[in-house]
Protein backbone atom coordinates (compact mmCIF):
# COMPACT_ATOMS: atom_id res chain seq x y z
CA UNK A 1 74.04 139.29 154.21
CA UNK A 2 71.85 140.11 151.00
CA UNK A 3 70.34 136.91 151.85
CA UNK A 4 69.42 137.09 155.27
CA UNK A 5 67.47 140.04 154.80
CA UNK A 6 65.66 138.78 151.83
CA UNK A 7 64.84 135.82 154.29
CA UNK A 8 63.32 138.23 156.64
CA UNK A 9 61.18 139.67 154.22
CA UNK A 10 59.82 136.60 153.10
CA UNK A 11 59.16 135.54 156.72
CA UNK A 12 57.42 138.47 157.25
CA UNK A 13 55.15 138.40 154.26
CA UNK A 14 54.18 134.48 154.78
CA UNK A 15 53.48 135.73 158.34
CA UNK A 16 51.27 138.60 157.20
CA UNK A 17 49.52 136.18 154.93
CA UNK A 18 49.26 133.35 156.95
CA UNK A 19 47.10 135.37 159.59
CA UNK A 20 45.10 136.83 157.29
CA UNK A 21 44.21 133.15 155.72
CA UNK A 22 43.31 132.28 159.37
CA UNK A 23 40.98 134.96 159.66
CA UNK A 24 39.14 133.55 156.82
CA UNK A 25 39.08 129.72 157.89
CA UNK A 26 38.07 127.98 160.94
CA UNK A 27 41.72 126.58 161.62
CA UNK A 28 43.90 125.75 164.72
CA UNK A 29 46.80 127.45 166.03
CA UNK A 30 49.05 124.05 165.04
CA UNK A 31 47.38 124.06 161.66
CA UNK A 32 48.52 127.47 160.94
CA UNK A 33 51.99 127.23 162.19
CA UNK A 34 52.45 123.98 160.21
CA UNK A 35 51.37 126.18 156.88
CA UNK A 36 53.61 129.27 157.46
CA UNK A 37 56.65 126.64 158.11
CA UNK A 38 55.74 125.25 155.19
CA UNK A 39 55.41 128.11 152.83
CA UNK A 40 58.83 129.44 154.64
CA UNK A 41 60.86 126.22 153.90
CA UNK A 42 59.72 126.45 150.23
CA UNK A 43 60.08 130.30 149.99
CA UNK A 44 63.69 129.68 151.44
CA UNK A 45 64.62 127.23 149.17
CA UNK A 46 63.40 129.55 146.24
CA UNK A 47 65.07 132.56 147.16
CA UNK A 48 68.24 131.05 147.76
CA UNK A 49 68.41 129.09 144.36
CA UNK A 50 67.81 132.62 142.93
CA UNK A 51 70.27 133.91 144.75
CA UNK A 52 72.68 131.22 143.93
CA UNK A 53 71.96 131.74 140.17
CA UNK A 54 72.86 135.08 140.37
CA UNK A 55 76.03 134.69 141.95
CA UNK A 56 77.02 132.02 139.48
CA UNK A 57 76.64 134.68 136.62
CA UNK A 58 79.97 135.97 138.13
CA UNK A 59 82.81 133.60 136.43
CA UNK A 60 86.10 132.90 137.50
CA UNK A 61 88.93 132.28 135.36
CA UNK A 62 91.21 130.34 136.64
CA UNK A 63 95.05 129.95 135.41
CA UNK A 64 97.82 127.73 135.70
CA UNK A 65 101.02 129.66 135.80
CA UNK A 66 103.31 126.73 135.66
CA UNK A 67 103.32 125.93 131.87
CA UNK A 68 104.80 129.62 131.40
CA UNK A 69 108.41 128.30 131.80
CA UNK A 70 108.59 125.04 130.05
CA UNK A 71 109.15 126.27 126.86
CA UNK A 72 106.99 124.01 125.00
CA UNK A 73 104.87 127.09 123.88
CA UNK A 74 105.12 130.57 122.51
CA UNK A 75 102.66 133.39 120.97
CA UNK A 76 103.50 132.33 117.68
CA UNK A 77 102.10 128.58 118.01
CA UNK A 78 98.40 129.99 118.25
CA UNK A 79 98.86 131.57 114.73
CA UNK A 80 99.10 130.71 111.06
CA UNK A 81 100.04 133.23 109.39
CA UNK A 82 101.43 136.53 109.69
CA UNK A 83 101.57 139.40 107.54
CA UNK A 84 104.12 142.59 107.82
CA UNK A 85 102.27 145.94 107.02
CA UNK A 86 104.72 148.59 106.73
CA UNK A 87 103.80 152.18 106.82
CA UNK A 88 104.93 154.51 103.90
CA UNK A 89 107.36 156.86 105.46
CA UNK A 90 108.53 158.58 102.04
CA UNK A 91 107.07 162.12 103.67
CA UNK A 92 106.77 161.73 107.18
CA UNK A 93 109.66 160.34 109.04
CA UNK A 94 112.09 162.81 106.69
CA UNK A 95 110.22 166.00 108.17
CA UNK A 96 109.77 165.44 111.90
CA UNK A 97 106.01 165.08 111.25
CA UNK A 98 105.87 162.05 112.69
CA UNK A 99 107.44 160.94 115.51
CA UNK A 100 105.84 158.11 117.38
CA UNK A 101 102.27 156.86 117.44
CA UNK A 102 100.05 157.24 120.47
CA UNK A 103 96.98 156.04 119.53
CA UNK A 104 95.82 154.04 116.38
CA UNK A 105 92.26 151.81 114.65
CA UNK A 106 91.99 149.53 112.23
CA UNK A 107 89.16 149.83 109.45
CA UNK A 108 88.26 148.33 106.55
CA UNK A 109 89.43 150.19 104.63
CA UNK A 110 92.99 150.93 106.44
CA UNK A 111 94.63 152.16 109.16
CA UNK A 112 94.41 155.56 110.94
CA UNK A 113 97.37 156.56 113.51
CA UNK A 114 97.61 159.54 115.59
CA UNK A 115 100.61 161.11 116.37
CA UNK A 116 102.06 161.41 119.71
CA UNK A 117 104.59 164.82 119.60
CA UNK A 118 102.59 166.85 117.10
CA UNK A 119 99.42 164.97 117.76
CA UNK A 120 98.14 164.83 114.07
CA UNK A 121 96.37 162.14 112.59
CA UNK A 122 97.18 160.33 109.77
CA UNK A 123 95.33 157.84 107.09
CA UNK A 124 97.23 154.34 105.50
CA UNK A 125 95.33 152.32 103.35
CA UNK A 126 95.20 148.42 103.72
CA UNK A 127 99.06 148.04 102.48
CA UNK A 128 100.02 150.80 104.37
CA UNK A 129 100.25 153.15 101.53
CA UNK A 130 100.37 157.24 103.34
CA UNK A 131 96.98 158.94 102.09
CA UNK A 132 97.21 162.08 103.90
CA UNK A 133 96.19 164.33 106.58
CA UNK A 134 92.78 163.39 108.66
CA UNK A 135 92.91 165.51 111.25
CA UNK A 136 95.39 168.25 112.98
CA UNK A 137 96.39 170.04 116.25
CA UNK A 138 95.24 173.68 116.19
CA UNK A 139 93.17 176.40 117.16
CA UNK A 140 90.55 176.28 114.34
CA UNK A 141 87.12 175.47 114.95
CA UNK A 142 87.53 171.98 113.33
CA UNK A 143 91.01 171.46 114.76
CA UNK A 144 91.39 169.86 118.50
CA UNK A 145 94.35 171.00 121.07
CA UNK A 146 95.46 167.93 122.25
CA UNK A 147 94.15 164.52 121.53
CA UNK A 148 94.19 161.22 124.00
CA UNK A 149 91.93 158.81 121.73
CA UNK A 150 90.50 157.36 118.71
CA UNK A 151 87.71 155.57 117.25
CA UNK A 152 86.45 154.27 114.30
CA UNK A 153 83.08 153.82 112.52
CA UNK A 154 83.04 151.79 109.46
CA UNK A 155 79.16 152.00 108.84
CA UNK A 156 79.27 155.57 109.02
CA UNK A 157 83.08 155.94 108.26
CA UNK A 158 83.41 158.41 110.57
CA UNK A 159 86.63 158.81 112.99
CA UNK A 160 85.88 160.15 116.03
CA UNK A 161 89.20 162.09 118.18
CA UNK A 162 89.04 162.46 121.96
CA UNK A 163 90.21 165.81 123.51
CA UNK A 164 90.71 165.22 127.19
CA UNK A 165 89.24 168.41 128.32
CA UNK A 166 85.83 167.20 127.13
CA UNK A 167 85.41 167.31 123.53
CA UNK A 168 85.02 164.79 120.33
CA UNK A 169 85.70 165.76 116.99
CA UNK A 170 84.23 164.10 114.65
CA UNK A 171 85.84 163.34 110.78
CA UNK A 172 84.66 161.07 107.78
CA UNK A 173 87.40 159.14 106.23
CA UNK A 174 88.78 161.59 103.55
CA UNK A 175 89.52 164.28 106.43
CA UNK A 176 86.52 166.15 106.11
CA UNK A 177 85.26 167.67 109.23
CA UNK A 178 81.90 166.89 110.56
CA UNK A 179 81.21 168.59 113.67
CA UNK A 180 82.05 168.57 117.03
CA UNK A 181 80.25 167.63 120.53
CA UNK A 182 81.28 168.93 123.92
CA UNK A 183 80.88 167.14 127.26
CA UNK A 184 80.10 169.19 129.80
CA UNK A 185 80.67 168.03 133.44
CA UNK A 186 83.73 165.86 133.60
CA UNK A 187 87.23 167.67 134.17
CA UNK A 188 88.88 165.05 131.96
CA UNK A 189 88.34 162.26 129.76
CA UNK A 190 91.09 159.43 129.68
CA UNK A 191 89.49 157.01 127.38
CA UNK A 192 86.07 156.60 125.41
CA UNK A 193 84.17 153.90 123.66
CA UNK A 194 81.89 154.71 120.58
CA UNK A 195 79.66 152.54 119.74
CA UNK A 196 76.40 151.41 118.25
CA UNK A 197 74.44 151.38 121.70
CA UNK A 198 75.89 154.69 122.85
CA UNK A 199 79.42 156.36 123.55
CA UNK A 200 81.25 155.50 126.80
CA UNK A 201 83.59 157.52 129.20
CA UNK A 202 86.35 157.07 131.65
CA UNK A 203 87.66 159.41 133.60
CA UNK A 204 90.07 158.80 136.75
CA UNK A 205 89.95 161.88 138.18
CA UNK A 206 86.25 161.70 138.88
CA UNK A 207 84.97 159.81 141.88
CA UNK A 208 82.85 157.97 139.61
CA UNK A 209 84.65 156.83 137.04
CA UNK A 210 82.20 155.85 134.03
CA UNK A 211 79.83 157.50 132.01
CA UNK A 212 77.37 157.32 129.40
CA UNK A 213 77.11 160.26 126.72
CA UNK A 214 73.83 159.92 124.97
CA UNK A 215 71.69 163.01 123.33
CA UNK A 216 73.95 166.24 125.01
CA UNK A 217 73.63 164.37 128.26
CA UNK A 218 75.56 162.80 131.09
CA UNK A 219 75.01 160.13 132.84
CA UNK A 220 77.04 158.54 135.75
CA UNK A 221 77.31 154.67 135.47
CA UNK A 222 77.49 152.55 138.84
CA UNK A 223 79.37 149.15 139.71
CA UNK A 224 77.80 146.06 140.87
CA UNK A 225 79.77 145.17 142.82
CA UNK A 226 81.24 148.79 143.72
CA UNK A 227 85.27 148.40 143.51
CA UNK A 228 87.21 151.40 145.19
CA UNK A 229 88.65 153.41 142.72
CA UNK A 230 91.75 155.11 144.32
CA UNK A 231 93.52 158.57 142.56
CA UNK A 232 96.94 156.85 141.60
CA UNK A 233 95.70 153.57 140.33
CA UNK A 234 97.03 151.83 137.21
CA UNK A 235 94.72 152.38 134.27
CA UNK A 236 94.85 150.36 131.29
CA UNK A 237 95.89 152.21 128.31
CA UNK A 238 92.13 151.56 126.84
CA UNK A 239 90.41 149.70 129.01
CA UNK A 240 86.73 149.22 126.99
CA UNK A 241 86.35 146.23 124.37
CA UNK A 242 83.02 145.03 122.61
CA UNK A 243 81.75 141.69 121.79
CA UNK A 244 78.60 140.84 120.02
CA UNK A 245 77.14 144.17 119.88
CA UNK A 246 78.05 144.64 124.14
CA UNK A 247 80.56 146.67 125.52
CA UNK A 248 82.70 145.79 128.57
CA UNK A 249 85.14 147.59 130.65
CA UNK A 250 87.94 146.33 132.55
CA UNK A 251 90.04 147.10 135.56
CA UNK A 252 93.53 147.29 135.27
CA UNK A 253 94.63 146.44 138.31
CA UNK A 254 92.74 143.45 138.90
CA UNK A 255 91.53 142.70 135.33
CA UNK A 256 88.10 141.70 136.01
CA UNK A 257 85.62 142.26 133.08
CA UNK A 258 82.18 144.34 133.58
CA UNK A 259 79.90 144.35 130.93
CA UNK A 260 78.18 148.19 130.55
CA UNK A 261 74.45 147.83 130.49
CA UNK A 262 73.01 150.73 129.06
CA UNK A 263 69.54 150.63 130.19
CA UNK A 264 70.34 150.57 133.85
CA UNK A 265 73.04 152.29 133.94
CA UNK A 266 75.06 149.33 135.56
CA UNK A 267 78.52 147.97 135.02
CA UNK A 268 78.05 144.29 136.18
CA UNK A 269 80.66 141.88 137.41
CA UNK A 270 81.27 139.33 134.46
CA UNK A 271 84.87 138.01 134.90
CA UNK A 272 87.24 137.52 137.51
CA UNK A 273 91.01 136.26 137.47
CA UNK A 274 92.61 133.44 139.76
CA UNK A 275 96.10 132.71 139.27
CA UNK A 276 96.40 130.54 142.44
CA UNK A 277 99.63 131.58 144.68
CA UNK A 278 100.23 134.10 141.84
CA UNK A 279 97.41 136.33 143.00
CA UNK A 280 98.18 140.03 143.81
CA UNK A 281 97.36 141.21 147.63
CA UNK A 282 96.54 144.55 146.61
CA UNK A 283 95.91 145.79 150.04
CA UNK A 284 100.28 145.81 150.66
CA UNK A 285 99.59 148.95 147.85
CA UNK A 286 100.28 152.42 149.61
CA UNK A 287 101.80 154.44 147.38
CA UNK A 288 101.09 155.51 143.90
CA UNK A 289 103.17 156.51 140.89
CA UNK A 290 106.93 155.61 140.30
CA UNK A 291 106.85 154.01 143.79
CA UNK A 292 104.22 151.49 142.63
CA UNK A 293 106.28 150.90 139.34
CA UNK A 294 109.27 150.30 141.62
CA UNK A 295 107.27 147.83 143.60
CA UNK A 296 106.35 145.80 140.96
CA UNK A 297 109.75 144.64 140.34
CA UNK A 298 110.59 143.86 144.12
CA UNK A 299 108.03 142.69 146.36
CA UNK A 300 105.15 142.26 143.40
CA UNK A 301 107.58 140.27 141.61
CA UNK A 302 105.90 136.86 142.15
CA UNK A 303 102.46 138.48 141.23
CA UNK A 304 100.37 138.61 138.10
CA UNK A 305 99.32 142.11 137.68
CA UNK A 306 98.37 144.45 136.74
CA UNK A 307 96.66 144.18 133.42
CA UNK A 308 97.92 145.88 130.05
CA UNK A 309 95.26 145.22 127.76
CA UNK A 310 92.12 142.60 127.27
CA UNK A 311 90.73 141.88 124.31
CA UNK A 312 87.95 139.27 122.92
CA UNK A 313 88.73 137.58 120.55
CA UNK A 314 85.84 134.95 119.48
CA UNK A 315 85.74 132.41 122.28
CA UNK A 316 89.14 133.57 123.61
CA UNK A 317 90.32 136.52 125.62
CA UNK A 318 93.82 137.70 124.79
CA UNK A 319 95.34 139.81 127.75
CA UNK A 320 98.97 141.18 128.12
CA UNK A 321 99.58 141.08 131.92
CA UNK A 322 102.76 141.94 133.94
CA UNK A 323 104.63 138.82 135.78
CA UNK A 324 108.70 138.91 136.81
CA UNK A 325 109.08 142.15 135.17
CA UNK A 326 107.64 141.06 132.05
CA UNK A 327 104.78 141.19 129.74
CA UNK A 328 103.61 137.70 129.26
CA UNK A 329 100.68 136.99 126.55
CA UNK A 330 97.77 135.47 128.33
CA UNK A 331 95.09 133.33 125.89
CA UNK A 332 92.14 132.05 127.92
CA UNK A 333 89.08 129.86 125.73
CA UNK A 334 85.74 130.73 127.62
CA UNK A 335 84.24 127.42 125.76
CA UNK A 336 86.45 125.12 127.14
CA UNK A 337 88.66 127.12 130.23
CA UNK A 338 91.51 126.02 128.61
CA UNK A 339 94.51 128.92 129.46
CA UNK A 340 97.80 129.52 128.38
CA UNK A 341 100.38 131.58 130.15
CA UNK A 342 103.41 132.47 127.69
CA UNK A 343 106.23 134.57 128.41
CA UNK A 344 108.20 134.54 125.28
CA UNK A 345 106.08 137.03 123.90
CA UNK A 346 106.04 140.65 125.22
CA UNK A 347 105.44 144.02 124.32
CA UNK A 348 108.27 146.33 123.73
CA UNK A 349 108.06 149.94 125.06
CA UNK A 350 106.82 151.11 122.10
CA UNK A 351 104.72 148.19 120.74
CA UNK A 352 101.02 149.43 121.08
CA UNK A 353 97.81 147.36 122.47
CA UNK A 354 96.57 145.13 119.65
CA UNK A 355 93.39 145.58 117.90
CA UNK A 356 90.86 142.43 116.63
CA UNK A 357 88.93 142.69 113.23
CA UNK A 358 87.53 140.20 110.88
CA UNK A 359 89.14 137.06 112.59
CA UNK A 360 92.55 138.90 112.60
CA UNK A 361 94.67 139.98 115.19
CA UNK A 362 96.80 143.49 114.77
CA UNK A 363 99.64 144.84 116.47
CA UNK A 364 102.10 148.00 115.85
CA UNK A 365 105.55 147.60 116.50
CA UNK A 366 108.65 149.86 115.28
CA UNK A 367 111.29 148.21 112.64
CA UNK A 368 113.99 148.04 115.47
CA UNK A 369 111.72 145.41 117.26
CA UNK A 370 110.51 143.04 114.19
CA UNK A 371 113.36 141.00 115.18
CA UNK A 372 111.80 139.53 118.26
CA UNK A 373 108.07 139.42 116.99
CA UNK A 374 108.76 138.16 113.46
CA UNK A 375 111.81 136.40 113.73
CA UNK A 376 110.30 132.87 115.03
CA UNK A 377 107.62 132.62 112.08
CA UNK A 378 107.80 131.36 109.12
CA UNK A 379 106.76 133.45 106.62
CA UNK A 380 105.72 133.14 102.83
CA UNK A 381 107.92 134.27 100.19
CA UNK A 382 105.45 137.82 100.17
CA UNK A 383 106.35 139.02 103.93
CA UNK A 384 109.97 137.64 103.58
CA UNK A 385 110.66 140.19 101.25
CA UNK A 386 109.11 142.56 102.91
CA UNK A 387 110.60 141.49 106.23
CA UNK A 388 114.48 141.53 104.47
CA UNK A 389 113.97 144.72 102.96
CA UNK A 390 113.23 146.65 106.35
CA UNK A 391 116.22 145.49 107.76
CA UNK A 392 118.28 148.19 109.06
CA UNK A 393 116.02 150.91 107.68
CA UNK A 394 115.33 153.55 109.71
CA UNK A 395 111.27 154.08 108.79
CA UNK A 396 108.03 154.23 110.17
CA UNK A 397 106.19 151.69 112.50
CA UNK A 398 104.82 148.47 111.22
CA UNK A 399 101.67 146.70 111.60
CA UNK A 400 101.27 143.05 111.83
CA UNK A 401 98.63 141.08 111.11
CA UNK A 402 98.07 137.91 112.55
CA UNK A 403 95.25 135.26 110.87
CA UNK A 404 94.66 131.73 111.34
CA UNK A 405 94.41 131.18 115.57
CA UNK A 406 93.48 127.91 117.18
CA UNK A 407 93.92 126.98 120.55
CA UNK A 408 96.49 124.01 120.75
């Protein structure tokens, strides 16, 4: 439809130009019609070519599901090494300060973990040794009432905590309070992405879910093309990712990936997924909440959705998606268009979303689930000793660092 109106505008413009041209030169009506038709034909070719180029900017990622059941590949085939990094528990689990991680981040100097029950944030070095509190829940000026996410800036050596009621609390790596920013105009914030190009916010409670927060000013970000945002739709725990200085947002239901342009305040569709006969029919979803989760186990059993997490790892997209009532690992190489859909690796209920840093992929799990995620690997001597010492112990969560990534 958009192309039709473009062509109508082109024809009208050419008619005007042709008429003006005829007024200047003594030409016959036949010559005028011939000139006009030649110009219209040339313009149609140009406009159609431009429209096709714009359409090709959206890439369809086609994935074959058949290989997921042949038993030939597992998640561990794609990495050469895993390092087990237990988070020190000498003063945490024993007194109930650290119940379960809710959000966490990886920095050059270690790990920052936000506790779910107490809303306290702890710092650990690269070997998992406990360094102390960074921030905590409270009513003082340097304390937050609730925390829904954390972000790390290695260059500035700062950590930012998001209060869902519309505030950011910033601390340095030692825990010194830097300041607070209050975002006016939002009922709630579910997630945020703090980058060098801007701070992006996500709020499913608003009619428009994406925003840019900059210089104490809030600006709405539009979708192109627009997508329906319905209250109760599934939202990925962390719907943002970065790559080469660019910010991206992905939809939890469809997995569609949008590139966010700060200048135009536009989130433009870049990638869509095609699972063939396993594509979901989202029009069949009518009820949110618990009924939707139950329907995933029944009528949507054979459809691939929703997307629980997507991360850009070099030229590869690494995703976790629901299929046959299990969380499956999905690798898609954007250079070769090769894909691997694997059902041998799935996240447990406490297995947290993965992180990417310096060519390694990071996961967090607990000691009870360690066998499921580490036993298939051939560990080196150092990690084998760590693995053996942890079996049967009740302790803090464990970080797994996978390195040496390669596609089959």
